[in-house]
PDB file of N, CA and C in Angstrom:
ATOM      1  N   MET A   1     -10.436 -11.730 -22.369  1.00  0.00           N
ATOM      2  CA  MET A   1      -9.385 -10.686 -22.319  1.00  0.00           C
ATOM      3  C   MET A   1      -8.495 -10.892 -21.088  1.00  0.00           C
ATOM      4  N   THR A   2      -7.193 -10.995 -21.362  1.00  0.00           N
ATOM      5  CA  THR A   2      -6.243 -11.142 -20.360  1.00  0.00           C
ATOM      6  C   THR A   2      -5.752  -9.919 -19.884  1.00  0.00           C
ATOM      7  N   LYS A   3      -5.459  -9.762 -18.705  1.00  0.00           N
ATOM      8  CA  LYS A   3      -4.971  -8.483 -18.018  1.00  0.00           C
ATOM      9  C   LYS A   3      -3.403  -8.455 -18.373  1.00  0.00           C
ATOM     10  N   ASN A   4      -2.811  -7.351 -18.475  1.00  0.00           N
ATOM     11  CA  ASN A   4      -1.374  -7.157 -18.727  1.00  0.00           C
ATOM     12  C   ASN A   4      -0.663  -7.003 -17.373  1.00  0.00           C
ATOM     13  N   ILE A   5      -0.706  -8.085 -16.469  1.00  0.00           N
ATOM     14  CA  ILE A   5      -0.170  -7.947 -15.185  1.00  0.00           C
ATOM     15  C   ILE A   5       1.250  -8.634 -15.187  1.00  0.00           C
ATOM     16  N   GLU A   6       2.321  -7.818 -14.875  1.00  0.00           N
ATOM     17  CA  GLU A   6       3.576  -8.319 -14.842  1.00  0.00           C
ATOM     18  C   GLU A   6       3.921  -8.739 -13.408  1.00  0.00           C
ATOM     19  N   PRO A   7       4.883  -9.791 -13.185  1.00  0.00           N
ATOM     20  CA  PRO A   7       5.156 -10.234 -11.776  1.00  0.00           C
ATOM     21  C   PRO A   7       5.824  -9.095 -10.968  1.00  0.00           C
ATOM     22  N   ARG A   8       6.426  -8.131 -11.575  1.00  0.00           N
ATOM     23  CA  ARG A   8       7.027  -6.953 -10.792  1.00  0.00           C
ATOM     24  C   ARG A   8       6.086  -6.154 -10.049  1.00  0.00           C
ATOM     25  N   HIS A   9       4.819  -6.229 -10.473  1.00  0.00           N
ATOM     26  CA  HIS A   9       3.643  -5.359  -9.875  1.00  0.00           C
ATOM     27  C   HIS A   9       3.438  -6.040  -8.550  1.00  0.00           C
ATOM     28  N   TYR A  10       3.486  -7.452  -8.405  1.00  0.00           N
ATOM     29  CA  TYR A  10       3.280  -8.010  -7.170  1.00  0.00           C
ATOM     30  C   TYR A  10       4.394  -7.780  -6.284  1.00  0.00           C
ATOM     31  N   ASP A  11       5.623  -7.401  -6.674  1.00  0.00           N
ATOM     32  CA  ASP A  11       6.742  -7.034  -5.892  1.00  0.00           C
ATOM     33  C   ASP A  11       6.649  -5.808  -5.341  1.00  0.00           C
ATOM     34  N   VAL A  12       5.928  -4.816  -5.878  1.00  0.00           N
ATOM     35  CA  VAL A  12       5.827  -3.503  -5.447  1.00  0.00           C
ATOM     36  C   VAL A  12       4.886  -3.335  -4.347  1.00  0.00           C
ATOM     37  N   ILE A  13       3.768  -3.973  -4.511  1.00  0.00           N
ATOM     38  CA  ILE A  13       2.632  -3.949  -3.415  1.00  0.00           C
ATOM     39  C   ILE A  13       2.879  -5.137  -2.513  1.00  0.00           C
ATOM     40  N   VAL A  14       3.070  -4.900  -1.238  1.00  0.00           N
ATOM     41  CA  VAL A  14       3.423  -5.945  -0.283  1.00  0.00           C
ATOM     42  C   VAL A  14       2.004  -6.501   0.320  1.00  0.00           C
ATOM     43  N   ALA A  15       1.156  -5.500   0.777  1.00  0.00           N
ATOM     44  CA  ALA A  15      -0.054  -5.988   1.598  1.00  0.00           C
ATOM     45  C   ALA A  15      -0.911  -4.608   1.796  1.00  0.00           C
ATOM     46  N   PRO A  16      -2.183  -4.885   1.830  1.00  0.00           N
ATOM     47  CA  PRO A  16      -3.094  -3.839   2.184  1.00  0.00           C
ATOM     48  C   PRO A  16      -2.894  -3.578   3.623  1.00  0.00           C
ATOM     49  N   VAL A  17      -3.226  -2.264   4.084  1.00  0.00           N
ATOM     50  CA  VAL A  17      -3.259  -1.931   5.478  1.00  0.00           C
ATOM     51  C   VAL A  17      -4.699  -1.904   5.904  1.00  0.00           C
ATOM     52  N   VAL A  18      -5.066  -2.651   6.888  1.00  0.00           N
ATOM     53  CA  VAL A  18      -6.433  -2.615   7.359  1.00  0.00           C
ATOM     54  C   VAL A  18      -6.273  -2.112   8.883  1.00  0.00           C
ATOM     55  N   THR A  19      -6.577  -0.936   9.165  1.00  0.00           N
ATOM     56  CA  THR A  19      -6.502  -0.205  10.407  1.00  0.00           C
ATOM     57  C   THR A  19      -7.745   0.611  10.565  1.00  0.00           C
ATOM     58  N   GLU A  20      -7.973   1.228  11.646  1.00  0.00           N
ATOM     59  CA  GLU A  20      -8.982   2.125  11.894  1.00  0.00           C
ATOM     60  C   GLU A  20      -8.794   3.448  10.977  1.00  0.00           C
ATOM     61  N   LYS A  21      -7.684   3.861  10.962  1.00  0.00           N
ATOM     62  CA  LYS A  21      -7.284   5.055  10.182  1.00  0.00           C
ATOM     63  C   LYS A  21      -7.485   4.793   8.686  1.00  0.00           C
ATOM     64  N   ALA A  22      -7.092   3.513   8.225  1.00  0.00           N
ATOM     65  CA  ALA A  22      -7.247   3.188   6.852  1.00  0.00           C
ATOM     66  C   ALA A  22      -8.738   3.021   6.469  1.00  0.00           C
ATOM     67  N   THR A  23      -9.616   2.642   7.390  1.00  0.00           N
ATOM     68  CA  THR A  23     -11.020   2.492   7.193  1.00  0.00           C
ATOM     69  C   THR A  23     -11.634   3.862   7.001  1.00  0.00           C
ATOM     70  N   ILE A  24     -11.176   4.786   7.867  1.00  0.00           N
ATOM     71  CA  ILE A  24     -11.709   6.186   7.786  1.00  0.00           C
ATOM     72  C   ILE A  24     -11.265   6.758   6.454  1.00  0.00           C
ATOM     73  N   ALA A  25     -10.100   6.478   6.000  1.00  0.00           N
ATOM     74  CA  ALA A  25      -9.570   7.072   4.788  1.00  0.00           C
ATOM     75  C   ALA A  25     -10.353   6.543   3.571  1.00  0.00           C
ATOM     76  N   SER A  26     -10.815   5.241   3.704  1.00  0.00           N
ATOM     77  CA  SER A  26     -11.464   4.664   2.499  1.00  0.00           C
ATOM     78  C   SER A  26     -12.788   5.382   2.331  1.00  0.00           C
ATOM     79  N   GLU A  27     -13.406   6.056   3.294  1.00  0.00           N
ATOM     80  CA  GLU A  27     -14.603   6.880   2.964  1.00  0.00           C
ATOM     81  C   GLU A  27     -14.330   7.980   2.113  1.00  0.00           C
ATOM     82  N   HIS A  28     -13.088   8.450   2.027  1.00  0.00           N
ATOM     83  CA  HIS A  28     -12.623   9.660   1.311  1.00  0.00           C
ATOM     84  C   HIS A  28     -11.954   9.112  -0.136  1.00  0.00           C
ATOM     85  N   ASN A  29     -12.132   7.887  -0.584  1.00  0.00           N
ATOM     86  CA  ASN A  29     -11.631   7.327  -1.829  1.00  0.00           C
ATOM     87  C   ASN A  29     -10.123   7.148  -1.626  1.00  0.00           C
ATOM     88  N   LYS A  30      -9.661   6.755  -0.488  1.00  0.00           N
ATOM     89  CA  LYS A  30      -8.209   6.497  -0.244  1.00  0.00           C
ATOM     90  C   LYS A  30      -7.936   5.121   0.286  1.00  0.00           C
ATOM     91  N   VAL A  31      -6.859   4.547  -0.268  1.00  0.00           N
ATOM     92  CA  VAL A  31      -6.501   3.171   0.254  1.00  0.00           C
ATOM     93  C   VAL A  31      -5.069   3.132   0.541  1.00  0.00           C
ATOM     94  N   LEU A  32      -4.776   2.394   1.733  1.00  0.00           N
ATOM     95  CA  LEU A  32      -3.393   2.375   2.203  1.00  0.00           C
ATOM     96  C   LEU A  32      -2.875   0.975   1.963  1.00  0.00           C
ATOM     97  N   PHE A  33      -1.550   1.051   1.494  1.00  0.00           N
ATOM     98  CA  PHE A  33      -0.846  -0.257   1.168  1.00  0.00           C
ATOM     99  C   PHE A  33       0.573  -0.241   1.819  1.00  0.00           C
ATOM    100  N   LYS A  34       1.042  -1.359   2.207  1.00  0.00           N
ATOM    101  CA  LYS A  34       2.417  -1.468   2.530  1.00  0.00           C
ATOM    102  C   LYS A  34       3.185  -1.751   1.156  1.00  0.00           C
ATOM    103  N   VAL A  35       4.335  -1.097   0.902  1.00  0.00           N
ATOM    104  CA  VAL A  35       4.918  -1.189  -0.423  1.00  0.00           C
ATOM    105  C   VAL A  35       6.385  -1.518  -0.169  1.00  0.00           C
ATOM    106  N   ALA A  36       6.988  -1.999  -1.188  1.00  0.00           N
ATOM    107  CA  ALA A  36       8.443  -2.250  -1.126  1.00  0.00           C
ATOM    108  C   ALA A  36       9.220  -0.994  -0.704  1.00  0.00           C
ATOM    109  N   ALA A  37      10.304  -1.102  -0.079  1.00  0.00           N
ATOM    110  CA  ALA A  37      11.072  -0.009   0.372  1.00  0.00           C
ATOM    111  C   ALA A  37      11.740   0.816  -0.621  1.00  0.00           C
ATOM    112  N   LYS A  38      12.044   0.270  -1.806  1.00  0.00           N
ATOM    113  CA  LYS A  38      12.554   1.005  -2.942  1.00  0.00           C
ATOM    114  C   LYS A  38      11.598   1.405  -3.971  1.00  0.00           C
ATOM    115  N   ALA A  39      10.209   1.240  -3.758  1.00  0.00           N
ATOM    116  CA  ALA A  39       9.286   1.475  -4.749  1.00  0.00           C
ATOM    117  C   ALA A  39       9.062   2.995  -4.848  1.00  0.00           C
ATOM    118  N   THR A  40       8.943   3.526  -6.176  1.00  0.00           N
ATOM    119  CA  THR A  40       8.706   4.868  -6.292  1.00  0.00           C
ATOM    120  C   THR A  40       7.339   5.095  -6.644  1.00  0.00           C
ATOM    121  N   LYS A  41       6.823   6.432  -6.478  1.00  0.00           N
ATOM    122  CA  LYS A  41       5.417   6.766  -6.686  1.00  0.00           C
ATOM    123  C   LYS A  41       4.873   6.231  -8.052  1.00  0.00           C
ATOM    124  N   PRO A  42       5.672   6.526  -9.136  1.00  0.00           N
ATOM    125  CA  PRO A  42       5.082   6.092 -10.410  1.00  0.00           C
ATOM    126  C   PRO A  42       5.014   4.515 -10.562  1.00  0.00           C
ATOM    127  N   GLN A  43       5.910   3.886  -9.957  1.00  0.00           N
ATOM    128  CA  GLN A  43       5.789   2.368  -9.932  1.00  0.00           C
ATOM    129  C   GLN A  43       4.629   1.942  -9.078  1.00  0.00           C
ATOM    130  N   ILE A  44       4.343   2.526  -7.985  1.00  0.00           N
ATOM    131  CA  ILE A  44       3.230   2.318  -7.117  1.00  0.00           C
ATOM    132  C   ILE A  44       1.912   2.505  -7.867  1.00  0.00           C
ATOM    133  N   LYS A  45       1.820   3.704  -8.595  1.00  0.00           N
ATOM    134  CA  LYS A  45       0.698   3.987  -9.325  1.00  0.00           C
ATOM    135  C   LYS A  45       0.389   3.061 -10.440  1.00  0.00           C
ATOM    136  N   GLU A  46       1.375   2.596 -11.150  1.00  0.00           N
ATOM    137  CA  GLU A  46       1.257   1.748 -12.201  1.00  0.00           C
ATOM    138  C   GLU A  46       0.759   0.229 -11.805  1.00  0.00           C
ATOM    139  N   ALA A  47       1.390  -0.098 -10.669  1.00  0.00           N
ATOM    140  CA  ALA A  47       1.032  -1.406 -10.086  1.00  0.00           C
ATOM    141  C   ALA A  47      -0.379  -1.507  -9.499  1.00  0.00           C
ATOM    142  N   ILE A  48      -0.917  -0.354  -8.903  1.00  0.00           N
ATOM    143  CA  ILE A  48      -2.273  -0.366  -8.347  1.00  0.00           C
ATOM    144  C   ILE A  48      -3.245  -0.322  -9.610  1.00  0.00           C
ATOM    145  N   GLU A  49      -3.004   0.431 -10.683  1.00  0.00           N
ATOM    146  CA  GLU A  49      -3.864   0.465 -11.763  1.00  0.00           C
ATOM    147  C   GLU A  49      -3.898  -0.798 -12.568  1.00  0.00           C
ATOM    148  N   LYS A  50      -2.731  -1.557 -12.639  1.00  0.00           N
ATOM    149  CA  LYS A  50      -2.799  -2.850 -13.399  1.00  0.00           C
ATOM    150  C   LYS A  50      -3.456  -3.930 -12.600  1.00  0.00           C
ATOM    151  N   LEU A  51      -3.126  -3.968 -11.234  1.00  0.00           N
ATOM    152  CA  LEU A  51      -3.605  -4.985 -10.358  1.00  0.00           C
ATOM    153  C   LEU A  51      -5.106  -4.960 -10.088  1.00  0.00           C
ATOM    154  N   PHE A  52      -5.656  -3.750  -9.758  1.00  0.00           N
ATOM    155  CA  PHE A  52      -6.949  -3.544  -9.420  1.00  0.00           C
ATOM    156  C   PHE A  52      -7.897  -3.027 -10.375  1.00  0.00           C
ATOM    157  N   ASP A  53      -7.316  -2.555 -11.665  1.00  0.00           N
ATOM    158  CA  ASP A  53      -8.067  -2.119 -12.784  1.00  0.00           C
ATOM    159  C   ASP A  53      -8.904  -0.808 -12.355  1.00  0.00           C
ATOM    160  N   VAL A  54      -8.164   0.150 -11.709  1.00  0.00           N
ATOM    161  CA  VAL A  54      -8.743   1.364 -11.293  1.00  0.00           C
ATOM    162  C   VAL A  54      -7.868   2.551 -11.836  1.00  0.00           C
ATOM    163  N   LYS A  55      -8.334   3.774 -11.571  1.00  0.00           N
ATOM    164  CA  LYS A  55      -7.734   4.929 -12.138  1.00  0.00           C
ATOM    165  C   LYS A  55      -7.269   5.686 -10.733  1.00  0.00           C
ATOM    166  N   VAL A  56      -5.800   5.872 -10.706  1.00  0.00           N
ATOM    167  CA  VAL A  56      -5.209   6.568  -9.538  1.00  0.00           C
ATOM    168  C   VAL A  56      -5.100   7.929  -9.771  1.00  0.00           C
ATOM    169  N   LYS A  57      -5.518   8.780  -8.786  1.00  0.00           N
ATOM    170  CA  LYS A  57      -5.438  10.148  -8.854  1.00  0.00           C
ATOM    171  C   LYS A  57      -3.991  10.716  -8.316  1.00  0.00           C
ATOM    172  N   SER A  58      -3.691  10.137  -7.077  1.00  0.00           N
ATOM    173  CA  SER A  58      -2.391  10.503  -6.575  1.00  0.00           C
ATOM    174  C   SER A  58      -1.800   9.526  -5.646  1.00  0.00           C
ATOM    175  N   VAL A  59      -0.479   9.559  -5.338  1.00  0.00           N
ATOM    176  CA  VAL A  59       0.044   8.602  -4.433  1.00  0.00           C
ATOM    177  C   VAL A  59       1.011   9.422  -3.499  1.00  0.00           C
ATOM    178  N   ASN A  60       0.766   9.230  -2.140  1.00  0.00           N
ATOM    179  CA  ASN A  60       1.612   9.801  -1.201  1.00  0.00           C
ATOM    180  C   ASN A  60       2.235   8.708  -0.428  1.00  0.00           C
ATOM    181  N   THR A  61       3.625   8.875  -0.080  1.00  0.00           N
ATOM    182  CA  THR A  61       4.377   7.747   0.559  1.00  0.00           C
ATOM    183  C   THR A  61       4.817   8.279   1.902  1.00  0.00           C
ATOM    184  N   LEU A  62       5.059   7.305   2.820  1.00  0.00           N
ATOM    185  CA  LEU A  62       5.665   7.660   4.196  1.00  0.00           C
ATOM    186  C   LEU A  62       6.490   6.380   4.526  1.00  0.00           C
ATOM    187  N   VAL A  63       7.480   6.716   5.409  1.00  0.00           N
ATOM    188  CA  VAL A  63       8.208   5.513   5.984  1.00  0.00           C
ATOM    189  C   VAL A  63       7.995   5.587   7.473  1.00  0.00           C
ATOM    190  N   ARG A  64       7.314   4.471   8.060  1.00  0.00           N
ATOM    191  CA  ARG A  64       7.215   4.216   9.490  1.00  0.00           C
ATOM    192  C   ARG A  64       8.467   3.645  10.017  1.00  0.00           C
ATOM    193  N   LYS A  65       9.006   4.393  10.960  1.00  0.00           N
ATOM    194  CA  LYS A  65      10.133   3.987  11.575  1.00  0.00           C
ATOM    195  C   LYS A  65       9.859   2.701  12.498  1.00  0.00           C
ATOM    196  N   GLY A  66      10.792   1.822  12.605  1.00  0.00           N
ATOM    197  CA  GLY A  66      10.599   0.503  13.391  1.00  0.00           C
ATOM    198  C   GLY A  66      10.669   0.836  14.837  1.00  0.00           C
ATOM    199  N   LYS A  67       9.945   0.189  15.656  1.00  0.00           N
ATOM    200  CA  LYS A  67       9.879   0.370  17.125  1.00  0.00           C
ATOM    201  C   LYS A  67      11.120  -0.331  17.686  1.00  0.00           C
ATOM    202  N   THR A  68      11.628   0.263  18.766  1.00  0.00           N
ATOM    203  CA  THR A  68      12.687  -0.327  19.497  1.00  0.00           C
ATOM    204  C   THR A  68      12.213  -0.941  20.850  1.00  0.00           C
ATOM    205  N   LYS A  69      12.430  -2.314  21.078  1.00  0.00           N
ATOM    206  CA  LYS A  69      11.847  -2.957  22.243  1.00  0.00           C
ATOM    207  C   LYS A  69      12.940  -3.735  22.961  1.00  0.00           C
ATOM    208  N   VAL A  70      12.668  -3.930  24.215  1.00  0.00           N
ATOM    209  CA  VAL A  70      13.627  -4.672  25.033  1.00  0.00           C
ATOM    210  C   VAL A  70      12.711  -5.957  25.489  1.00  0.00           C
ATOM    211  N   PHE A  71      13.409  -7.102  25.204  1.00  0.00           N
ATOM    212  CA  PHE A  71      12.692  -8.297  25.438  1.00  0.00           C
ATOM    213  C   PHE A  71      13.810  -9.247  26.354  1.00  0.00           C
ATOM    214  N   ARG A  72      13.554  -9.511  27.596  1.00  0.00           N
ATOM    215  CA  ARG A  72      14.447 -10.236  28.410  1.00  0.00           C
ATOM    216  C   ARG A  72      15.799  -9.555  28.451  1.00  0.00           C
ATOM    217  N   GLY A  73      15.879  -8.269  28.469  1.00  0.00           N
ATOM    218  CA  GLY A  73      17.114  -7.568  28.567  1.00  0.00           C
ATOM    219  C   GLY A  73      17.828  -7.439  27.360  1.00  0.00           C
ATOM    220  N   ASN A  74      17.399  -7.885  26.163  1.00  0.00           N
ATOM    221  CA  ASN A  74      18.002  -7.782  24.931  1.00  0.00           C
ATOM    222  C   ASN A  74      17.231  -6.723  24.075  1.00  0.00           C
ATOM    223  N   LEU A  75      18.069  -5.851  23.489  1.00  0.00           N
ATOM    224  CA  LEU A  75      17.554  -4.711  22.778  1.00  0.00           C
ATOM    225  C   LEU A  75      17.362  -5.181  21.322  1.00  0.00           C
ATOM    226  N   GLY A  76      16.149  -4.952  20.806  1.00  0.00           N
ATOM    227  CA  GLY A  76      15.848  -5.265  19.484  1.00  0.00           C
ATOM    228  C   GLY A  76      14.992  -4.246  18.838  1.00  0.00           C
ATOM    229  N   SER A  77      14.909  -4.330  17.510  1.00  0.00           N
ATOM    230  CA  SER A  77      14.107  -3.327  16.811  1.00  0.00           C
ATOM    231  C   SER A  77      13.450  -3.879  15.694  1.00  0.00           C
ATOM    232  N   GLN A  78      12.137  -3.412  15.327  1.00  0.00           N
ATOM    233  CA  GLN A  78      11.461  -3.880  14.163  1.00  0.00           C
ATOM    234  C   GLN A  78      11.985  -3.153  12.929  1.00  0.00           C
ATOM    235  N   SER A  79      11.811  -3.600  11.821  1.00  0.00           N
ATOM    236  CA  SER A  79      12.322  -3.031  10.612  1.00  0.00           C
ATOM    237  C   SER A  79      11.362  -1.933  10.265  1.00  0.00           C
ATOM    238  N   ASN A  80      11.918  -0.926   9.421  1.00  0.00           N
ATOM    239  CA  ASN A  80      11.097   0.137   8.920  1.00  0.00           C
ATOM    240  C   ASN A  80      10.199  -0.320   7.880  1.00  0.00           C
ATOM    241  N   THR A  81       9.005   0.329   7.722  1.00  0.00           N
ATOM    242  CA  THR A  81       8.048  -0.125   6.580  1.00  0.00           C
ATOM    243  C   THR A  81       7.590   1.095   5.902  1.00  0.00           C
ATOM    244  N   LYS A  82       7.489   0.985   4.556  1.00  0.00           N
ATOM    245  CA  LYS A  82       7.061   1.995   3.677  1.00  0.00           C
ATOM    246  C   LYS A  82       5.577   1.758   3.320  1.00  0.00           C
ATOM    247  N   ARG A  83       4.708   2.843   3.502  1.00  0.00           N
ATOM    248  CA  ARG A  83       3.390   2.768   3.223  1.00  0.00           C
ATOM    249  C   ARG A  83       3.015   3.807   2.173  1.00  0.00           C
ATOM    250  N   ALA A  84       2.000   3.554   1.337  1.00  0.00           N
ATOM    251  CA  ALA A  84       1.380   4.422   0.385  1.00  0.00           C
ATOM    252  C   ALA A  84       0.007   4.596   0.621  1.00  0.00           C
ATOM    253  N   ILE A  85      -0.371   5.965   0.541  1.00  0.00           N
ATOM    254  CA  ILE A  85      -1.755   6.343   0.549  1.00  0.00           C
ATOM    255  C   ILE A  85      -2.079   6.703  -0.863  1.00  0.00           C
ATOM    256  N   VAL A  86      -3.050   5.870  -1.511  1.00  0.00           N
ATOM    257  CA  VAL A  86      -3.318   5.965  -2.812  1.00  0.00           C
ATOM    258  C   VAL A  86      -4.792   6.648  -2.821  1.00  0.00           C
ATOM    259  N   THR A  87      -4.859   7.732  -3.569  1.00  0.00           N
ATOM    260  CA  THR A  87      -6.097   8.400  -3.814  1.00  0.00           C
ATOM    261  C   THR A  87      -6.657   8.083  -5.159  1.00  0.00           C
ATOM    262  N   LEU A  88      -7.820   7.513  -5.283  1.00  0.00           N
ATOM    263  CA  LEU A  88      -8.458   6.989  -6.437  1.00  0.00           C
ATOM    264  C   LEU A  88      -9.356   8.086  -7.064  1.00  0.00           C
ATOM    265  N   GLU A  89      -9.483   8.000  -8.286  1.00  0.00           N
ATOM    266  CA  GLU A  89     -10.580   8.933  -9.054  1.00  0.00           C
ATOM    267  C   GLU A  89     -11.883   8.559  -8.624  1.00  0.00           C
ATOM    268  N   GLU A  90     -12.792   9.610  -8.870  1.00  0.00           N
ATOM    269  CA  GLU A  90     -14.128   9.451  -8.533  1.00  0.00           C
ATOM    270  C   GLU A  90     -14.735   8.206  -9.318  1.00  0.00           C
ATOM    271  N   GLY A  91     -15.548   7.327  -8.620  1.00  0.00           N
ATOM    272  CA  GLY A  91     -16.132   6.354  -9.283  1.00  0.00           C
ATOM    273  C   GLY A  91     -15.429   5.000  -9.247  1.00  0.00           C
ATOM    274  N   HIS A  92     -14.126   5.102  -8.766  1.00  0.00           N
ATOM    275  CA  HIS A  92     -13.410   3.864  -8.558  1.00  0.00           C
ATOM    276  C   HIS A  92     -13.170   3.485  -7.367  1.00  0.00           C
ATOM    277  N   ARG A  93     -13.309   2.164  -6.912  1.00  0.00           N
ATOM    278  CA  ARG A  93     -13.175   1.627  -5.526  1.00  0.00           C
ATOM    279  C   ARG A  93     -12.274   0.427  -5.481  1.00  0.00           C
ATOM    280  N   ILE A  94     -11.637   0.206  -4.336  1.00  0.00           N
ATOM    281  CA  ILE A  94     -10.898  -0.983  -4.116  1.00  0.00           C
ATOM    282  C   ILE A  94     -11.399  -1.518  -2.727  1.00  0.00           C
ATOM    283  N   ASP A  95     -11.871  -2.757  -2.829  1.00  0.00           N
ATOM    284  CA  ASP A  95     -12.290  -3.342  -1.476  1.00  0.00           C
ATOM    285  C   ASP A  95     -11.162  -4.404  -1.074  1.00  0.00           C
ATOM    286  N   VAL A  96     -10.396  -3.854  -0.139  1.00  0.00           N
ATOM    287  CA  VAL A  96      -9.094  -4.648   0.297  1.00  0.00           C
ATOM    288  C   VAL A  96      -9.630  -5.940   1.137  1.00  0.00           C
ATOM    289  N   THR A  97     -10.759  -5.912   1.627  1.00  0.00           N
ATOM    290  CA  THR A  97     -11.111  -7.113   2.413  1.00  0.00           C
ATOM    291  C   THR A  97     -11.402  -8.352   1.491  1.00  0.00           C
ATOM    292  N   THR A  98     -11.667  -8.044   0.247  1.00  0.00           N
ATOM    293  CA  THR A  98     -11.957  -9.341  -0.626  1.00  0.00           C
ATOM    294  C   THR A  98     -10.697  -9.949  -1.263  1.00  0.00           C
ATOM    295  N   GLY A  99      -9.586  -9.137  -1.290  1.00  0.00           N
ATOM    296  CA  GLY A  99      -8.400  -9.726  -1.946  1.00  0.00           C
ATOM    297  C   GLY A  99      -8.425  -9.486  -3.516  1.00  0.00           C
ATOM    298  N   LEU A 100      -7.291 -10.083  -4.125  1.00  0.00           N
ATOM    299  CA  LEU A 100      -7.177  -9.873  -5.608  1.00  0.00           C
ATOM    300  C   LEU A 100      -8.212 -10.780  -6.301  1.00  0.00           C
TER     301      LEU A 100
END
């Protein structure tokens, strides 16, 4: 049986977020991902369900503002990143440490 995965699903989900906060959230059936800046909640939900074969309960998004830094007198800034907190249905899990 072949999965119905389209290439655009890989463009929506950039990378999993592995931090202390993400690890604590995983105990409550939540997973954090970096997503494309223009990705919408329905697109994120569809991509997660197709890529990981799980059922998504809800998707919350946030935009982290890039930090401003000074390096050798030059002012620079990191780019903004969009993140998604994906809540999974009971009985479904995603282990981001193993990959796809």
